């Protein structure tokens, strides 16, 4: 557990650490997230093009978020 001054700071810190310690791949973000929850990931992808931001769109036709996310998961996430 870590206490951070803001969501933006926490996401940016997580993105920076993932960029340094994890294999490149796909980063999933839910559609219409607050900017502060996306900027850190966008910055990581801009700095390191081997990371790719993938936006999970709103569920359609009665689907649930869980199903939409599971459909996007693969070995690159």
N, C-alpha and C. Protein backbone atom coordinates (compact mmCIF):
# COMPACT_ATOMS: atom_id res chain seq x y z
N UNK A 1 0.86 -1.17 0.00
CA UNK A 1 0.00 0.00 0.00
C UNK A 1 0.90 1.23 0.00
N UNK A 2 0.54 2.17 -0.85
CA UNK A 2 1.29 3.41 -0.92
C UNK A 2 0.31 4.58 -0.93
N UNK A 3 0.67 5.61 -0.23
CA UNK A 3 -0.16 6.81 -0.20
C UNK A 3 0.49 7.81 -1.15
N UNK A 4 -0.28 8.26 -2.11
CA UNK A 4 0.22 9.20 -3.12
C UNK A 4 -0.58 10.49 -3.04
N UNK A 5 0.02 11.60 -3.45
CA UNK A 5 -0.69 12.88 -3.39
C UNK A 5 -1.80 13.02 -4.43
N UNK A 6 -1.73 12.22 -5.51
CA UNK A 6 -2.76 12.33 -6.53
C UNK A 6 -2.76 11.08 -7.41
N UNK A 7 -3.87 10.87 -8.09
CA UNK A 7 -3.97 9.75 -9.03
C UNK A 7 -2.96 9.92 -10.16
N UNK A 8 -2.86 11.14 -10.68
CA UNK A 8 -1.93 11.40 -11.78
C UNK A 8 -0.51 11.03 -11.40
N UNK A 9 -0.09 11.39 -10.20
CA UNK A 9 1.26 11.06 -9.74
C UNK A 9 1.44 9.56 -9.64
N UNK A 10 0.45 8.87 -9.09
CA UNK A 10 0.54 7.42 -8.92
C UNK A 10 0.61 6.70 -10.26
N UNK A 11 -0.23 7.10 -11.21
CA UNK A 11 -0.23 6.47 -12.53
C UNK A 11 1.09 6.75 -13.25
N UNK A 12 1.57 7.97 -13.17
CA UNK A 12 2.84 8.32 -13.82
C UNK A 12 3.98 7.51 -13.22
N UNK A 13 4.01 7.38 -11.92
CA UNK A 13 5.04 6.59 -11.25
C UNK A 13 4.97 5.13 -11.67
N UNK A 14 3.75 4.58 -11.71
CA UNK A 14 3.58 3.19 -12.14
C UNK A 14 4.04 3.00 -13.58
N UNK A 15 3.65 3.92 -14.46
CA UNK A 15 4.04 3.82 -15.87
C UNK A 15 5.56 3.90 -16.04
N UNK A 16 6.19 4.79 -15.31
CA UNK A 16 7.65 4.91 -15.40
C UNK A 16 8.33 3.62 -14.94
N UNK A 17 7.85 3.04 -13.85
CA UNK A 17 8.44 1.80 -13.35
C UNK A 17 8.19 0.63 -14.29
N UNK A 18 7.01 0.56 -14.85
CA UNK A 18 6.71 -0.51 -15.81
C UNK A 18 7.59 -0.35 -17.05
N UNK A 19 7.77 0.88 -17.49
CA UNK A 19 8.63 1.13 -18.65
C UNK A 19 10.06 0.69 -18.44
N UNK A 20 10.53 0.74 -17.21
CA UNK A 20 11.91 0.34 -16.89
C UNK A 20 12.05 -1.13 -16.58
N UNK A 21 11.01 -1.76 -16.07
CA UNK A 21 11.18 -3.12 -15.54
C UNK A 21 10.42 -4.21 -16.28
N UNK A 22 9.50 -3.87 -17.15
CA UNK A 22 8.67 -4.90 -17.80
C UNK A 22 8.96 -4.99 -19.28
N UNK A 23 8.65 -6.14 -19.82
CA UNK A 23 8.77 -6.32 -21.27
C UNK A 23 7.74 -5.46 -21.98
N UNK A 24 8.10 -4.90 -23.12
CA UNK A 24 7.16 -4.08 -23.88
C UNK A 24 5.92 -4.88 -24.26
N UNK A 25 4.82 -4.18 -24.41
CA UNK A 25 3.58 -4.83 -24.77
C UNK A 25 2.44 -3.84 -24.84
N UNK A 26 1.26 -4.36 -24.63
CA UNK A 26 0.03 -3.58 -24.76
C UNK A 26 -0.44 -3.14 -23.38
N UNK A 27 -0.92 -1.90 -23.29
CA UNK A 27 -1.47 -1.35 -22.05
C UNK A 27 -2.95 -1.10 -22.29
N UNK A 28 -3.79 -1.73 -21.48
CA UNK A 28 -5.23 -1.56 -21.62
C UNK A 28 -5.73 -0.42 -20.74
N UNK A 29 -6.55 0.44 -21.32
CA UNK A 29 -7.19 1.54 -20.60
C UNK A 29 -8.65 1.55 -21.02
N UNK A 30 -9.54 1.73 -20.06
CA UNK A 30 -10.97 1.78 -20.37
C UNK A 30 -11.33 3.11 -21.01
N UNK A 31 -12.25 3.08 -21.95
CA UNK A 31 -12.69 4.28 -22.66
C UNK A 31 -13.19 5.33 -21.68
N UNK A 32 -12.90 6.58 -21.97
CA UNK A 32 -13.35 7.75 -21.22
C UNK A 32 -12.86 7.81 -19.78
N UNK A 33 -11.67 7.30 -19.54
CA UNK A 33 -11.06 7.45 -18.22
C UNK A 33 -10.68 8.92 -18.03
N UNK A 34 -10.56 9.33 -16.79
CA UNK A 34 -10.10 10.68 -16.50
C UNK A 34 -8.70 10.87 -17.10
N UNK A 35 -8.42 12.07 -17.55
CA UNK A 35 -7.13 12.36 -18.16
C UNK A 35 -5.97 11.94 -17.29
N UNK A 36 -6.09 12.14 -16.00
CA UNK A 36 -4.99 11.82 -15.10
C UNK A 36 -4.69 10.33 -15.07
N UNK A 37 -5.65 9.50 -15.47
CA UNK A 37 -5.45 8.05 -15.50
C UNK A 37 -4.90 7.58 -16.84
N UNK A 38 -4.73 8.50 -17.78
CA UNK A 38 -4.28 8.12 -19.12
C UNK A 38 -2.95 8.76 -19.49
N UNK A 39 -2.70 9.97 -19.06
CA UNK A 39 -1.50 10.70 -19.47
C UNK A 39 -0.20 9.94 -19.21
N UNK A 40 -0.08 9.31 -18.08
CA UNK A 40 1.13 8.55 -17.76
C UNK A 40 1.39 7.43 -18.76
N UNK A 41 0.32 6.75 -19.17
CA UNK A 41 0.45 5.66 -20.15
C UNK A 41 0.76 6.21 -21.53
N UNK A 42 0.13 7.33 -21.90
CA UNK A 42 0.42 7.95 -23.19
C UNK A 42 1.88 8.38 -23.25
N UNK A 43 2.37 8.94 -22.17
CA UNK A 43 3.76 9.37 -22.11
C UNK A 43 4.71 8.19 -22.27
N UNK A 44 4.41 7.09 -21.58
CA UNK A 44 5.24 5.89 -21.69
C UNK A 44 5.28 5.41 -23.14
N UNK A 45 4.13 5.35 -23.80
CA UNK A 45 4.07 4.87 -25.18
C UNK A 45 4.78 5.83 -26.14
N UNK A 46 4.73 7.12 -25.85
CA UNK A 46 5.43 8.09 -26.69
C UNK A 46 6.95 7.95 -26.55
N UNK A 47 7.41 7.69 -25.34
CA UNK A 47 8.85 7.54 -25.09
C UNK A 47 9.38 6.21 -25.60
N UNK A 48 8.55 5.19 -25.51
CA UNK A 48 8.97 3.84 -25.87
C UNK A 48 7.91 3.22 -26.78
N UNK A 49 8.06 3.35 -28.10
CA UNK A 49 7.04 2.88 -29.03
C UNK A 49 6.78 1.37 -28.99
N UNK A 50 7.61 0.62 -28.29
CA UNK A 50 7.34 -0.82 -28.18
C UNK A 50 6.20 -1.10 -27.20
N UNK A 51 5.79 -0.09 -26.44
CA UNK A 51 4.57 -0.18 -25.64
C UNK A 51 3.45 0.42 -26.47
N UNK A 52 2.26 -0.18 -26.38
CA UNK A 52 1.14 0.27 -27.19
C UNK A 52 -0.08 0.46 -26.30
N UNK A 53 -0.73 1.60 -26.41
CA UNK A 53 -1.93 1.90 -25.64
C UNK A 53 -3.14 1.36 -26.40
N UNK A 54 -3.94 0.55 -25.71
CA UNK A 54 -5.13 -0.05 -26.32
C UNK A 54 -6.34 0.37 -25.50
N UNK A 55 -7.26 1.10 -26.12
CA UNK A 55 -8.45 1.60 -25.43
C UNK A 55 -9.57 0.58 -25.55
N UNK A 56 -10.09 0.12 -24.42
CA UNK A 56 -11.21 -0.81 -24.40
C UNK A 56 -12.48 0.02 -24.47
N UNK A 57 -13.24 -0.16 -25.55
CA UNK A 57 -14.44 0.64 -25.77
C UNK A 57 -15.61 0.16 -24.90
N UNK A 58 -16.61 1.04 -24.76
CA UNK A 58 -17.81 0.71 -24.01
C UNK A 58 -18.40 -0.61 -24.50
N UNK A 59 -18.92 -1.41 -23.60
CA UNK A 59 -19.59 -2.65 -24.01
C UNK A 59 -20.80 -2.34 -24.90
N UNK A 60 -21.02 -3.20 -25.88
CA UNK A 60 -22.16 -3.04 -26.79
C UNK A 60 -23.07 -4.26 -26.68
N UNK A 61 -24.31 -4.05 -27.02
CA UNK A 61 -25.29 -5.15 -27.11
C UNK A 61 -25.40 -5.96 -25.82
N UNK A 62 -25.43 -5.27 -24.69
CA UNK A 62 -25.63 -5.95 -23.41
C UNK A 62 -24.41 -6.66 -22.85
N UNK A 63 -23.26 -6.51 -23.50
CA UNK A 63 -22.04 -7.12 -22.99
C UNK A 63 -21.62 -6.41 -21.70
N UNK A 64 -20.73 -7.04 -20.97
CA UNK A 64 -20.21 -6.45 -19.73
C UNK A 64 -18.76 -6.03 -19.94
N UNK A 65 -18.32 -5.10 -19.08
CA UNK A 65 -16.93 -4.64 -19.15
C UNK A 65 -15.97 -5.82 -19.05
N UNK A 66 -16.27 -6.74 -18.16
CA UNK A 66 -15.37 -7.88 -17.94
C UNK A 66 -15.13 -8.62 -19.24
N UNK A 67 -16.19 -8.89 -19.97
CA UNK A 67 -16.05 -9.62 -21.24
C UNK A 67 -15.23 -8.82 -22.25
N UNK A 68 -15.48 -7.53 -22.32
CA UNK A 68 -14.74 -6.67 -23.25
C UNK A 68 -13.24 -6.68 -22.93
N UNK A 69 -12.92 -6.64 -21.66
CA UNK A 69 -11.51 -6.65 -21.24
C UNK A 69 -10.89 -8.01 -21.52
N UNK A 70 -11.58 -9.07 -21.18
CA UNK A 70 -11.05 -10.41 -21.42
C UNK A 70 -10.76 -10.66 -22.89
N UNK A 71 -11.58 -10.10 -23.76
CA UNK A 71 -11.36 -10.26 -25.20
C UNK A 71 -10.08 -9.58 -25.66
N UNK A 72 -9.63 -8.58 -24.96
CA UNK A 72 -8.42 -7.84 -25.32
C UNK A 72 -7.15 -8.43 -24.70
N UNK A 73 -7.32 -9.28 -23.70
CA UNK A 73 -6.15 -9.84 -23.03
C UNK A 73 -5.47 -10.88 -23.91
N UNK A 74 -4.17 -10.77 -23.98
CA UNK A 74 -3.36 -11.77 -24.65
C UNK A 74 -1.96 -11.70 -24.04
N UNK A 75 -1.01 -12.39 -24.65
CA UNK A 75 0.34 -12.46 -24.06
C UNK A 75 1.08 -11.14 -24.10
N UNK A 76 0.56 -10.14 -24.83
CA UNK A 76 1.25 -8.85 -24.91
C UNK A 76 0.81 -7.85 -23.86
N UNK A 77 -0.19 -8.19 -23.05
CA UNK A 77 -0.68 -7.26 -22.01
C UNK A 77 0.17 -7.42 -20.78
